[in-house]
Amino acid sequence: MITQKEFKIDSYKDLTFRVGKIDAIQMLAFRTTMDFTNIEATESTYKFVFEHLEVNVADKWIPVKEKDINVYYPDGLDNDLNAMNELLGYFLNNVVKPLFMKSNESNQ
């Protein structure tokens, strides 16, 4: 399971984020569907990331993006390209990249 380390981003310095719970099956499925060569697959990747990130609001952890609906927290986040890039970058660098590196090491 992914550890839930808290982090902040420059665009929303007053908010705390974390990666929500993701089990191994979800990560395997995510890994096999990650594809930045077409827009549908890329959009699916982004949705997965934002649905598995959480933000602390009033001492409660809520998803950055509600699953299956176009609702983002904090309000207006989906129109803030810098914030979305920061969150995506955090997830890719701190969740996906280490998992791919561990997988490559175990296959050698």
PDB file of N, CA and C in Angstrom:
ATOM      1  N   MET A   1       0.844  -1.176   0.000  1.00  0.00           N
ATOM      2  CA  MET A   1       0.000   0.000   0.000  1.00  0.00           C
ATOM      3  C   MET A   1       0.895   1.248   0.000  1.00  0.00           C
ATOM      4  N   ILE A   2       0.428   2.303  -0.630  1.00  0.00           N
ATOM      5  CA  ILE A   2       1.146   3.570  -0.689  1.00  0.00           C
ATOM      6  C   ILE A   2       1.076   4.253   0.672  1.00  0.00           C
ATOM      7  N   THR A   3       2.209   4.791   1.130  1.00  0.00           N
ATOM      8  CA  THR A   3       2.194   5.524   2.389  1.00  0.00           C
ATOM      9  C   THR A   3       1.530   6.872   2.182  1.00  0.00           C
ATOM     10  N   GLN A   4       0.918   7.390   3.210  1.00  0.00           N
ATOM     11  CA  GLN A   4       0.153   8.618   3.101  1.00  0.00           C
ATOM     12  C   GLN A   4       0.931   9.811   3.646  1.00  0.00           C
ATOM     13  N   LYS A   5       2.059  10.086   3.040  1.00  0.00           N
ATOM     14  CA  LYS A   5       2.875  11.220   3.415  1.00  0.00           C
ATOM     15  C   LYS A   5       2.175  12.512   2.988  1.00  0.00           C
ATOM     16  N   GLU A   6       2.108  13.458   3.902  1.00  0.00           N
ATOM     17  CA  GLU A   6       1.471  14.735   3.604  1.00  0.00           C
ATOM     18  C   GLU A   6       2.457  15.650   2.889  1.00  0.00           C
ATOM     19  N   PHE A   7       1.924  16.514   2.031  1.00  0.00           N
ATOM     20  CA  PHE A   7       2.770  17.454   1.300  1.00  0.00           C
ATOM     21  C   PHE A   7       1.991  18.720   0.983  1.00  0.00           C
ATOM     22  N   LYS A   8       2.712  19.755   0.606  1.00  0.00           N
ATOM     23  CA  LYS A   8       2.110  21.029   0.205  1.00  0.00           C
ATOM     24  C   LYS A   8       2.597  21.371  -1.191  1.00  0.00           C
ATOM     25  N   ILE A   9       1.852  22.245  -1.866  1.00  0.00           N
ATOM     26  CA  ILE A   9       2.265  22.738  -3.171  1.00  0.00           C
ATOM     27  C   ILE A   9       2.309  24.258  -3.116  1.00  0.00           C
ATOM     28  N   ASP A  10       3.099  24.847  -3.978  1.00  0.00           N
ATOM     29  CA  ASP A  10       3.258  26.303  -3.989  1.00  0.00           C
ATOM     30  C   ASP A  10       1.957  27.036  -4.294  1.00  0.00           C
ATOM     31  N   SER A  11       1.127  26.482  -5.148  1.00  0.00           N
ATOM     32  CA  SER A  11      -0.103  27.157  -5.561  1.00  0.00           C
ATOM     33  C   SER A  11      -1.141  27.264  -4.453  1.00  0.00           C
ATOM     34  N   TYR A  12      -1.102  26.345  -3.498  1.00  0.00           N
ATOM     35  CA  TYR A  12      -2.047  26.334  -2.374  1.00  0.00           C
ATOM     36  C   TYR A  12      -1.275  26.076  -1.086  1.00  0.00           C
ATOM     37  N   LYS A  13      -0.453  27.037  -0.695  1.00  0.00           N
ATOM     38  CA  LYS A  13       0.433  26.851   0.460  1.00  0.00           C
ATOM     39  C   LYS A  13      -0.320  26.634   1.772  1.00  0.00           C
ATOM     40  N   ASP A  14      -1.564  27.080   1.833  1.00  0.00           N
ATOM     41  CA  ASP A  14      -2.343  26.943   3.063  1.00  0.00           C
ATOM     42  C   ASP A  14      -3.044  25.594   3.178  1.00  0.00           C
ATOM     43  N   LEU A  15      -2.972  24.764   2.146  1.00  0.00           N
ATOM     44  CA  LEU A  15      -3.627  23.459   2.166  1.00  0.00           C
ATOM     45  C   LEU A  15      -2.599  22.336   2.226  1.00  0.00           C
ATOM     46  N   THR A  16      -3.006  21.236   2.833  1.00  0.00           N
ATOM     47  CA  THR A  16      -2.161  20.048   2.912  1.00  0.00           C
ATOM     48  C   THR A  16      -2.806  18.940   2.092  1.00  0.00           C
ATOM     49  N   PHE A  17      -1.979  18.269   1.320  1.00  0.00           N
ATOM     50  CA  PHE A  17      -2.431  17.186   0.457  1.00  0.00           C
ATOM     51  C   PHE A  17      -1.759  15.886   0.886  1.00  0.00           C
ATOM     52  N   ARG A  18      -2.278  14.786   0.424  1.00  0.00           N
ATOM     53  CA  ARG A  18      -1.642  13.482   0.600  1.00  0.00           C
ATOM     54  C   ARG A  18      -2.164  12.544  -0.476  1.00  0.00           C
ATOM     55  N   VAL A  19      -1.451  11.465  -0.680  1.00  0.00           N
ATOM     56  CA  VAL A  19      -1.905  10.414  -1.587  1.00  0.00           C
ATOM     57  C   VAL A  19      -2.850   9.527  -0.790  1.00  0.00           C
ATOM     58  N   GLY A  20      -4.026   9.284  -1.333  1.00  0.00           N
ATOM     59  CA  GLY A  20      -4.990   8.415  -0.673  1.00  0.00           C
ATOM     60  C   GLY A  20      -4.560   6.962  -0.760  1.00  0.00           C
ATOM     61  N   LYS A  21      -5.347   6.104  -0.175  1.00  0.00           N
ATOM     62  CA  LYS A  21      -5.021   4.677  -0.175  1.00  0.00           C
ATOM     63  C   LYS A  21      -5.161   4.102  -1.587  1.00  0.00           C
ATOM     64  N   ILE A  22      -4.107   3.415  -1.990  1.00  0.00           N
ATOM     65  CA  ILE A  22      -4.090   2.738  -3.292  1.00  0.00           C
ATOM     66  C   ILE A  22      -3.501   1.357  -3.058  1.00  0.00           C
ATOM     67  N   ASP A  23      -4.245   0.335  -3.409  1.00  0.00           N
ATOM     68  CA  ASP A  23      -3.705  -1.007  -3.188  1.00  0.00           C
ATOM     69  C   ASP A  23      -2.907  -1.466  -4.404  1.00  0.00           C
ATOM     70  N   ALA A  24      -2.249  -2.601  -4.271  1.00  0.00           N
ATOM     71  CA  ALA A  24      -1.364  -3.106  -5.315  1.00  0.00           C
ATOM     72  C   ALA A  24      -2.110  -3.399  -6.617  1.00  0.00           C
ATOM     73  N   ILE A  25      -3.323  -3.916  -6.525  1.00  0.00           N
ATOM     74  CA  ILE A  25      -4.108  -4.218  -7.725  1.00  0.00           C
ATOM     75  C   ILE A  25      -4.406  -2.932  -8.498  1.00  0.00           C
ATOM     76  N   GLN A  26      -4.775  -1.873  -7.773  1.00  0.00           N
ATOM     77  CA  GLN A  26      -5.045  -0.591  -8.433  1.00  0.00           C
ATOM     78  C   GLN A  26      -3.791  -0.054  -9.114  1.00  0.00           C
ATOM     79  N   MET A  27      -2.642  -0.177  -8.454  1.00  0.00           N
ATOM     80  CA  MET A  27      -1.402   0.320  -9.048  1.00  0.00           C
ATOM     81  C   MET A  27      -1.002  -0.507 -10.265  1.00  0.00           C
ATOM     82  N   LEU A  28      -1.210  -1.818 -10.214  1.00  0.00           N
ATOM     83  CA  LEU A  28      -0.922  -2.648 -11.389  1.00  0.00           C
ATOM     84  C   LEU A  28      -1.816  -2.247 -12.556  1.00  0.00           C
ATOM     85  N   ALA A  29      -3.081  -2.050 -12.281  1.00  0.00           N
ATOM     86  CA  ALA A  29      -4.009  -1.639 -13.331  1.00  0.00           C
ATOM     87  C   ALA A  29      -3.622  -0.263 -13.875  1.00  0.00           C
ATOM     88  N   PHE A  30      -3.280   0.645 -12.981  1.00  0.00           N
ATOM     89  CA  PHE A  30      -2.873   1.988 -13.398  1.00  0.00           C
ATOM     90  C   PHE A  30      -1.634   1.919 -14.272  1.00  0.00           C
ATOM     91  N   ARG A  31      -0.681   1.120 -13.846  1.00  0.00           N
ATOM     92  CA  ARG A  31       0.574   0.997 -14.588  1.00  0.00           C
ATOM     93  C   ARG A  31       0.346   0.503 -16.010  1.00  0.00           C
ATOM     94  N   THR A  32      -0.561  -0.447 -16.178  1.00  0.00           N
ATOM     95  CA  THR A  32      -0.785  -0.997 -17.509  1.00  0.00           C
ATOM     96  C   THR A  32      -1.610  -0.075 -18.395  1.00  0.00           C
ATOM     97  N   THR A  33      -2.328   0.875 -17.810  1.00  0.00           N
ATOM     98  CA  THR A  33      -3.148   1.779 -18.618  1.00  0.00           C
ATOM     99  C   THR A  33      -2.495   3.134 -18.833  1.00  0.00           C
ATOM    100  N   MET A  34      -1.367   3.393 -18.179  1.00  0.00           N
ATOM    101  CA  MET A  34      -0.685   4.673 -18.371  1.00  0.00           C
ATOM    102  C   MET A  34      -0.171   4.757 -19.802  1.00  0.00           C
ATOM    103  N   ASP A  35      -0.655   5.737 -20.507  1.00  0.00           N
ATOM    104  CA  ASP A  35      -0.267   5.902 -21.907  1.00  0.00           C
ATOM    105  C   ASP A  35      -0.490   7.362 -22.270  1.00  0.00           C
ATOM    106  N   PHE A  36       0.585   8.065 -22.585  1.00  0.00           N
ATOM    107  CA  PHE A  36       0.479   9.482 -22.908  1.00  0.00           C
ATOM    108  C   PHE A  36       0.497   9.716 -24.419  1.00  0.00           C
ATOM    109  N   THR A  37       0.155   8.681 -25.186  1.00  0.00           N
ATOM    110  CA  THR A  37       0.188   8.832 -26.638  1.00  0.00           C
ATOM    111  C   THR A  37      -1.171   9.193 -27.234  1.00  0.00           C
ATOM    112  N   ASN A  38      -2.235   9.069 -26.453  1.00  0.00           N
ATOM    113  CA  ASN A  38      -3.539   9.507 -26.951  1.00  0.00           C
ATOM    114  C   ASN A  38      -4.303  10.206 -25.839  1.00  0.00           C
ATOM    115  N   ILE A  39      -5.181  11.080 -26.216  1.00  0.00           N
ATOM    116  CA  ILE A  39      -5.834  11.956 -25.251  1.00  0.00           C
ATOM    117  C   ILE A  39      -6.748  11.194 -24.283  1.00  0.00           C
ATOM    118  N   GLU A  40      -7.428  10.164 -24.737  1.00  0.00           N
ATOM    119  CA  GLU A  40      -8.323   9.414 -23.854  1.00  0.00           C
ATOM    120  C   GLU A  40      -7.542   8.721 -22.744  1.00  0.00           C
ATOM    121  N   ALA A  41      -6.433   8.085 -23.084  1.00  0.00           N
ATOM    122  CA  ALA A  41      -5.614   7.408 -22.080  1.00  0.00           C
ATOM    123  C   ALA A  41      -4.973   8.411 -21.132  1.00  0.00           C
ATOM    124  N   THR A  42      -4.541   9.535 -21.662  1.00  0.00           N
ATOM    125  CA  THR A  42      -3.939  10.567 -20.818  1.00  0.00           C
ATOM    126  C   THR A  42      -4.969  11.118 -19.843  1.00  0.00           C
ATOM    127  N   GLU A  43      -6.160  11.385 -20.322  1.00  0.00           N
ATOM    128  CA  GLU A  43      -7.227  11.884 -19.451  1.00  0.00           C
ATOM    129  C   GLU A  43      -7.561  10.870 -18.363  1.00  0.00           C
ATOM    130  N   SER A  44      -7.591   9.600 -18.723  1.00  0.00           N
ATOM    131  CA  SER A  44      -7.847   8.536 -17.750  1.00  0.00           C
ATOM    132  C   SER A  44      -6.758   8.508 -16.675  1.00  0.00           C
ATOM    133  N   THR A  45      -5.507   8.684 -17.093  1.00  0.00           N
ATOM    134  CA  THR A  45      -4.387   8.733 -16.155  1.00  0.00           C
ATOM    135  C   THR A  45      -4.549   9.893 -15.189  1.00  0.00           C
ATOM    136  N   TYR A  46      -4.858  11.067 -15.719  1.00  0.00           N
ATOM    137  CA  TYR A  46      -5.024  12.250 -14.867  1.00  0.00           C
ATOM    138  C   TYR A  46      -6.173  12.074 -13.884  1.00  0.00           C
ATOM    139  N   LYS A  47      -7.275  11.512 -14.348  1.00  0.00           N
ATOM    140  CA  LYS A  47      -8.415  11.288 -13.447  1.00  0.00           C
ATOM    141  C   LYS A  47      -8.018  10.352 -12.309  1.00  0.00           C
ATOM    142  N   PHE A  48      -7.305   9.286 -12.632  1.00  0.00           N
ATOM    143  CA  PHE A  48      -6.861   8.356 -11.597  1.00  0.00           C
ATOM    144  C   PHE A  48      -6.026   9.085 -10.551  1.00  0.00           C
ATOM    145  N   VAL A  49      -5.087   9.891 -11.014  1.00  0.00           N
ATOM    146  CA  VAL A  49      -4.207  10.628 -10.095  1.00  0.00           C
ATOM    147  C   VAL A  49      -5.026  11.528  -9.190  1.00  0.00           C
ATOM    148  N   PHE A  50      -5.874  12.364  -9.752  1.00  0.00           N
ATOM    149  CA  PHE A  50      -6.614  13.333  -8.938  1.00  0.00           C
ATOM    150  C   PHE A  50      -7.675  12.679  -8.058  1.00  0.00           C
ATOM    151  N   GLU A  51      -8.170  11.526  -8.456  1.00  0.00           N
ATOM    152  CA  GLU A  51      -9.117  10.783  -7.611  1.00  0.00           C
ATOM    153  C   GLU A  51      -8.413  10.093  -6.447  1.00  0.00           C
ATOM    154  N   HIS A  52      -7.086   9.938  -6.538  1.00  0.00           N
ATOM    155  CA  HIS A  52      -6.338   9.278  -5.471  1.00  0.00           C
ATOM    156  C   HIS A  52      -5.468  10.245  -4.665  1.00  0.00           C
ATOM    157  N   LEU A  53      -5.629  11.519  -4.920  1.00  0.00           N
ATOM    158  CA  LEU A  53      -5.016  12.534  -4.065  1.00  0.00           C
ATOM    159  C   LEU A  53      -6.102  13.084  -3.159  1.00  0.00           C
ATOM    160  N   GLU A  54      -5.715  13.449  -1.943  1.00  0.00           N
ATOM    161  CA  GLU A  54      -6.668  13.987  -0.980  1.00  0.00           C
ATOM    162  C   GLU A  54      -6.169  15.328  -0.471  1.00  0.00           C
ATOM    163  N   VAL A  55      -7.107  16.162  -0.054  1.00  0.00           N
ATOM    164  CA  VAL A  55      -6.794  17.466   0.518  1.00  0.00           C
ATOM    165  C   VAL A  55      -7.482  17.548   1.880  1.00  0.00           C
ATOM    166  N   ASN A  56      -6.797  18.170   2.820  1.00  0.00           N
ATOM    167  CA  ASN A  56      -7.342  18.319   4.164  1.00  0.00           C
ATOM    168  C   ASN A  56      -8.172  19.600   4.219  1.00  0.00           C
ATOM    169  N   VAL A  57      -9.472  19.434   4.456  1.00  0.00           N
ATOM    170  CA  VAL A  57     -10.387  20.566   4.573  1.00  0.00           C
ATOM    171  C   VAL A  57     -11.130  20.427   5.890  1.00  0.00           C
ATOM    172  N   ALA A  58     -10.958  21.406   6.775  1.00  0.00           N
ATOM    173  CA  ALA A  58     -11.620  21.402   8.092  1.00  0.00           C
ATOM    174  C   ALA A  58     -11.349  20.092   8.836  1.00  0.00           C
ATOM    175  N   ASP A  59     -10.083  19.684   8.849  1.00  0.00           N
ATOM    176  CA  ASP A  59      -9.637  18.468   9.540  1.00  0.00           C
ATOM    177  C   ASP A  59     -10.268  17.179   8.996  1.00  0.00           C
ATOM    178  N   LYS A  60     -10.685  17.228   7.754  1.00  0.00           N
ATOM    179  CA  LYS A  60     -11.235  16.040   7.106  1.00  0.00           C
ATOM    180  C   LYS A  60     -10.532  15.867   5.763  1.00  0.00           C
ATOM    181  N   TRP A  61     -10.117  14.627   5.456  1.00  0.00           N
ATOM    182  CA  TRP A  61      -9.467  14.322   4.179  1.00  0.00           C
ATOM    183  C   TRP A  61     -10.532  13.999   3.145  1.00  0.00           C
ATOM    184  N   ILE A  62     -10.521  14.756   2.038  1.00  0.00           N
ATOM    185  CA  ILE A  62     -11.470  14.517   0.956  1.00  0.00           C
ATOM    186  C   ILE A  62     -10.700  14.386  -0.352  1.00  0.00           C
ATOM    187  N   PRO A  63     -11.244  13.650  -1.334  1.00  0.00           N
ATOM    188  CA  PRO A  63     -10.531  13.505  -2.606  1.00  0.00           C
ATOM    189  C   PRO A  63     -10.437  14.836  -3.340  1.00  0.00           C
ATOM    190  N   VAL A  64      -9.320  15.042  -4.012  1.00  0.00           N
ATOM    191  CA  VAL A  64      -9.142  16.239  -4.831  1.00  0.00           C
ATOM    192  C   VAL A  64     -10.179  16.236  -5.955  1.00  0.00           C
ATOM    193  N   LYS A  65     -10.456  15.063  -6.528  1.00  0.00           N
ATOM    194  CA  LYS A  65     -11.495  14.931  -7.553  1.00  0.00           C
ATOM    195  C   LYS A  65     -12.453  13.838  -7.138  1.00  0.00           C
ATOM    196  N   GLU A  66     -13.733  14.157  -7.154  1.00  0.00           N
ATOM    197  CA  GLU A  66     -14.750  13.157  -6.861  1.00  0.00           C
ATOM    198  C   GLU A  66     -14.814  12.159  -8.014  1.00  0.00           C
ATOM    199  N   LYS A  67     -14.876  10.896  -7.684  1.00  0.00           N
ATOM    200  CA  LYS A  67     -14.919   9.852  -8.712  1.00  0.00           C
ATOM    201  C   LYS A  67     -16.211   9.942  -9.520  1.00  0.00           C
ATOM    202  N   ASP A  68     -16.079   9.820 -10.823  1.00  0.00           N
ATOM    203  CA  ASP A  68     -17.187   9.787 -11.779  1.00  0.00           C
ATOM    204  C   ASP A  68     -17.972  11.091 -11.920  1.00  0.00           C
ATOM    205  N   ILE A  69     -17.555  12.155 -11.252  1.00  0.00           N
ATOM    206  CA  ILE A  69     -18.179  13.463 -11.479  1.00  0.00           C
ATOM    207  C   ILE A  69     -17.088  14.517 -11.577  1.00  0.00           C
ATOM    208  N   ASN A  70     -17.399  15.609 -12.188  1.00  0.00           N
ATOM    209  CA  ASN A  70     -16.411  16.651 -12.447  1.00  0.00           C
ATOM    210  C   ASN A  70     -16.401  17.693 -11.322  1.00  0.00           C
ATOM    211  N   VAL A  71     -16.103  17.240 -10.090  1.00  0.00           N
ATOM    212  CA  VAL A  71     -16.041  18.120  -8.923  1.00  0.00           C
ATOM    213  C   VAL A  71     -14.645  18.019  -8.329  1.00  0.00           C
ATOM    214  N   TYR A  72     -13.998  19.174  -8.164  1.00  0.00           N
ATOM    215  CA  TYR A  72     -12.641  19.227  -7.640  1.00  0.00           C
ATOM    216  C   TYR A  72     -12.594  20.061  -6.364  1.00  0.00           C
ATOM    217  N   TYR A  73     -11.695  19.714  -5.448  1.00  0.00           N
ATOM    218  CA  TYR A  73     -11.451  20.483  -4.230  1.00  0.00           C
ATOM    219  C   TYR A  73      -9.980  20.819  -4.160  1.00  0.00           C
ATOM    220  N   PRO A  74      -9.609  22.009  -3.830  1.00  0.00           N
ATOM    221  CA  PRO A  74     -10.477  23.139  -3.525  1.00  0.00           C
ATOM    222  C   PRO A  74     -11.183  23.636  -4.778  1.00  0.00           C
ATOM    223  N   ASP A  75     -12.286  24.336  -4.576  1.00  0.00           N
ATOM    224  CA  ASP A  75     -13.076  24.860  -5.680  1.00  0.00           C
ATOM    225  C   ASP A  75     -12.195  25.689  -6.606  1.00  0.00           C
ATOM    226  N   GLY A  76     -12.301  25.441  -7.894  1.00  0.00           N
ATOM    227  CA  GLY A  76     -11.516  26.163  -8.882  1.00  0.00           C
ATOM    228  C   GLY A  76     -10.194  25.517  -9.235  1.00  0.00           C
ATOM    229  N   LEU A  77      -9.839  24.456  -8.528  1.00  0.00           N
ATOM    230  CA  LEU A  77      -8.568  23.774  -8.792  1.00  0.00           C
ATOM    231  C   LEU A  77      -8.472  23.323 -10.244  1.00  0.00           C
ATOM    232  N   ASP A  78      -9.559  22.834 -10.789  1.00  0.00           N
ATOM    233  CA  ASP A  78      -9.542  22.316 -12.160  1.00  0.00           C
ATOM    234  C   ASP A  78      -9.275  23.404 -13.196  1.00  0.00           C
ATOM    235  N   ASN A  79      -9.328  24.668 -12.796  1.00  0.00           N
ATOM    236  CA  ASN A  79      -9.003  25.775 -13.699  1.00  0.00           C
ATOM    237  C   ASN A  79      -7.630  26.374 -13.406  1.00  0.00           C
ATOM    238  N   ASP A  80      -6.884  25.749 -12.509  1.00  0.00           N
ATOM    239  CA  ASP A  80      -5.562  26.249 -12.107  1.00  0.00           C
ATOM    240  C   ASP A  80      -4.495  25.295 -12.643  1.00  0.00           C
ATOM    241  N   LEU A  81      -3.997  25.601 -13.841  1.00  0.00           N
ATOM    242  CA  LEU A  81      -3.033  24.721 -14.507  1.00  0.00           C
ATOM    243  C   LEU A  81      -1.781  24.497 -13.671  1.00  0.00           C
ATOM    244  N   ASN A  82      -1.269  25.540 -13.018  1.00  0.00           N
ATOM    245  CA  ASN A  82      -0.063  25.383 -12.201  1.00  0.00           C
ATOM    246  C   ASN A  82      -0.285  24.417 -11.046  1.00  0.00           C
ATOM    247  N   ALA A  83      -1.396  24.559 -10.353  1.00  0.00           N
ATOM    248  CA  ALA A  83      -1.692  23.671  -9.225  1.00  0.00           C
ATOM    249  C   ALA A  83      -1.876  22.233  -9.701  1.00  0.00           C
ATOM    250  N   MET A  84      -2.592  22.056 -10.803  1.00  0.00           N
ATOM    251  CA  MET A  84      -2.805  20.705 -11.324  1.00  0.00           C
ATOM    252  C   MET A  84      -1.477  20.066 -11.714  1.00  0.00           C
ATOM    253  N   ASN A  85      -0.594  20.849 -12.334  1.00  0.00           N
ATOM    254  CA  ASN A  85       0.737  20.339 -12.699  1.00  0.00           C
ATOM    255  C   ASN A  85       1.556  19.987 -11.468  1.00  0.00           C
ATOM    256  N   GLU A  86       1.471  20.806 -10.425  1.00  0.00           N
ATOM    257  CA  GLU A  86       2.213  20.508  -9.192  1.00  0.00           C
ATOM    258  C   GLU A  86       1.732  19.202  -8.575  1.00  0.00           C
ATOM    259  N   LEU A  87       0.421  19.010  -8.499  1.00  0.00           N
ATOM    260  CA  LEU A  87      -0.124  17.784  -7.923  1.00  0.00           C
ATOM    261  C   LEU A  87       0.218  16.567  -8.778  1.00  0.00           C
ATOM    262  N   LEU A  88       0.071  16.699 -10.073  1.00  0.00           N
ATOM    263  CA  LEU A  88       0.413  15.604 -10.973  1.00  0.00           C
ATOM    264  C   LEU A  88       1.889  15.261 -10.872  1.00  0.00           C
ATOM    265  N   GLY A  89       2.736  16.280 -10.852  1.00  0.00           N
ATOM    266  CA  GLY A  89       4.177  16.063 -10.725  1.00  0.00           C
ATOM    267  C   GLY A  89       4.538  15.358  -9.438  1.00  0.00           C
ATOM    268  N   TYR A  90       3.896  15.765  -8.339  1.00  0.00           N
ATOM    269  CA  TYR A  90       4.161  15.103  -7.056  1.00  0.00           C
ATOM    270  C   TYR A  90       3.818  13.616  -7.159  1.00  0.00           C
ATOM    271  N   PHE A  91       2.642  13.308  -7.681  1.00  0.00           N
ATOM    272  CA  PHE A  91       2.200  11.925  -7.769  1.00  0.00           C
ATOM    273  C   PHE A  91       3.126  11.101  -8.655  1.00  0.00           C
ATOM    274  N   LEU A  92       3.454  11.622  -9.820  1.00  0.00           N
ATOM    275  CA  LEU A  92       4.314  10.881 -10.746  1.00  0.00           C
ATOM    276  C   LEU A  92       5.711  10.673 -10.178  1.00  0.00           C
ATOM    277  N   ASN A  93       6.267  11.692  -9.530  1.00  0.00           N
ATOM    278  CA  ASN A  93       7.631  11.596  -8.996  1.00  0.00           C
ATOM    279  C   ASN A  93       7.737  10.828  -7.692  1.00  0.00           C
ATOM    280  N   ASN A  94       6.687  10.860  -6.872  1.00  0.00           N
ATOM    281  CA  ASN A  94       6.775  10.270  -5.542  1.00  0.00           C
ATOM    282  C   ASN A  94       5.989   8.983  -5.356  1.00  0.00           C
ATOM    283  N   VAL A  95       5.136   8.663  -6.305  1.00  0.00           N
ATOM    284  CA  VAL A  95       4.364   7.424  -6.220  1.00  0.00           C
ATOM    285  C   VAL A  95       4.692   6.511  -7.397  1.00  0.00           C
ATOM    286  N   VAL A  96       4.501   7.004  -8.605  1.00  0.00           N
ATOM    287  CA  VAL A  96       4.664   6.166  -9.790  1.00  0.00           C
ATOM    288  C   VAL A  96       6.131   5.846 -10.065  1.00  0.00           C
ATOM    289  N   LYS A  97       6.968   6.836 -10.111  1.00  0.00           N
ATOM    290  CA  LYS A  97       8.383   6.624 -10.447  1.00  0.00           C
ATOM    291  C   LYS A  97       9.057   5.625  -9.504  1.00  0.00           C
ATOM    292  N   PRO A  98       8.914   5.772  -8.179  1.00  0.00           N
ATOM    293  CA  PRO A  98       9.547   4.775  -7.294  1.00  0.00           C
ATOM    294  C   PRO A  98       9.024   3.358  -7.511  1.00  0.00           C
ATOM    295  N   LEU A  99       7.736   3.210  -7.801  1.00  0.00           N
ATOM    296  CA  LEU A  99       7.186   1.873  -8.038  1.00  0.00           C
ATOM    297  C   LEU A  99       7.745   1.261  -9.308  1.00  0.00           C
ATOM    298  N   PHE A 100       7.892   2.057 -10.354  1.00  0.00           N
ATOM    299  CA  PHE A 100       8.454   1.557 -11.600  1.00  0.00           C
ATOM    300  C   PHE A 100       9.922   1.185 -11.395  1.00  0.00           C
ATOM    301  N   MET A 101      10.646   1.972 -10.620  1.00  0.00           N
ATOM    302  CA  MET A 101      12.059   1.687 -10.376  1.00  0.00           C
ATOM    303  C   MET A 101      12.206   0.392  -9.582  1.00  0.00           C
ATOM    304  N   LYS A 102      11.365   0.192  -8.551  1.00  0.00           N
ATOM    305  CA  LYS A 102      11.410  -1.044  -7.776  1.00  0.00           C
ATOM    306  C   LYS A 102      11.073  -2.236  -8.648  1.00  0.00           C
ATOM    307  N   SER A 103      10.107  -2.077  -9.533  1.00  0.00           N
ATOM    308  CA  SER A 103       9.714  -3.158 -10.430  1.00  0.00           C
ATOM    309  C   SER A 103      10.872  -3.511 -11.373  1.00  0.00           C
ATOM    310  N   ASN A 104      11.528  -2.516 -11.905  1.00  0.00           N
ATOM    311  CA  ASN A 104      12.657  -2.764 -12.796  1.00  0.00           C
ATOM    312  C   ASN A 104      13.797  -3.464 -12.075  1.00  0.00           C
ATOM    313  N   GLU A 105      14.056  -3.079 -10.814  1.00  0.00           N
ATOM    314  CA  GLU A 105      15.112  -3.713 -10.033  1.00  0.00           C
ATOM    315  C   GLU A 105      14.812  -5.181  -9.780  1.00  0.00           C
ATOM    316  N   SER A 106      13.544  -5.502  -9.510  1.00  0.00           N
ATOM    317  CA  SER A 106      13.204  -6.885  -9.211  1.00  0.00           C
ATOM    318  C   SER A 106      13.212  -7.761 -10.464  1.00  0.00           C
ATOM    319  N   ASN A 107      13.120  -7.148 -11.639  1.00  0.00           N
ATOM    320  CA  ASN A 107      13.133  -7.925 -12.880  1.00  0.00           C
ATOM    321  C   ASN A 107      14.542  -8.189 -13.394  1.00  0.00           C
ATOM    322  N   GLN A 108      15.544  -7.629 -12.758  1.00  0.00           N
ATOM    323  CA  GLN A 108      16.917  -7.810 -13.245  1.00  0.00           C
ATOM    324  C   GLN A 108      17.574  -9.007 -12.595  1.00  0.00           C
TER     325      GLN A 108
END
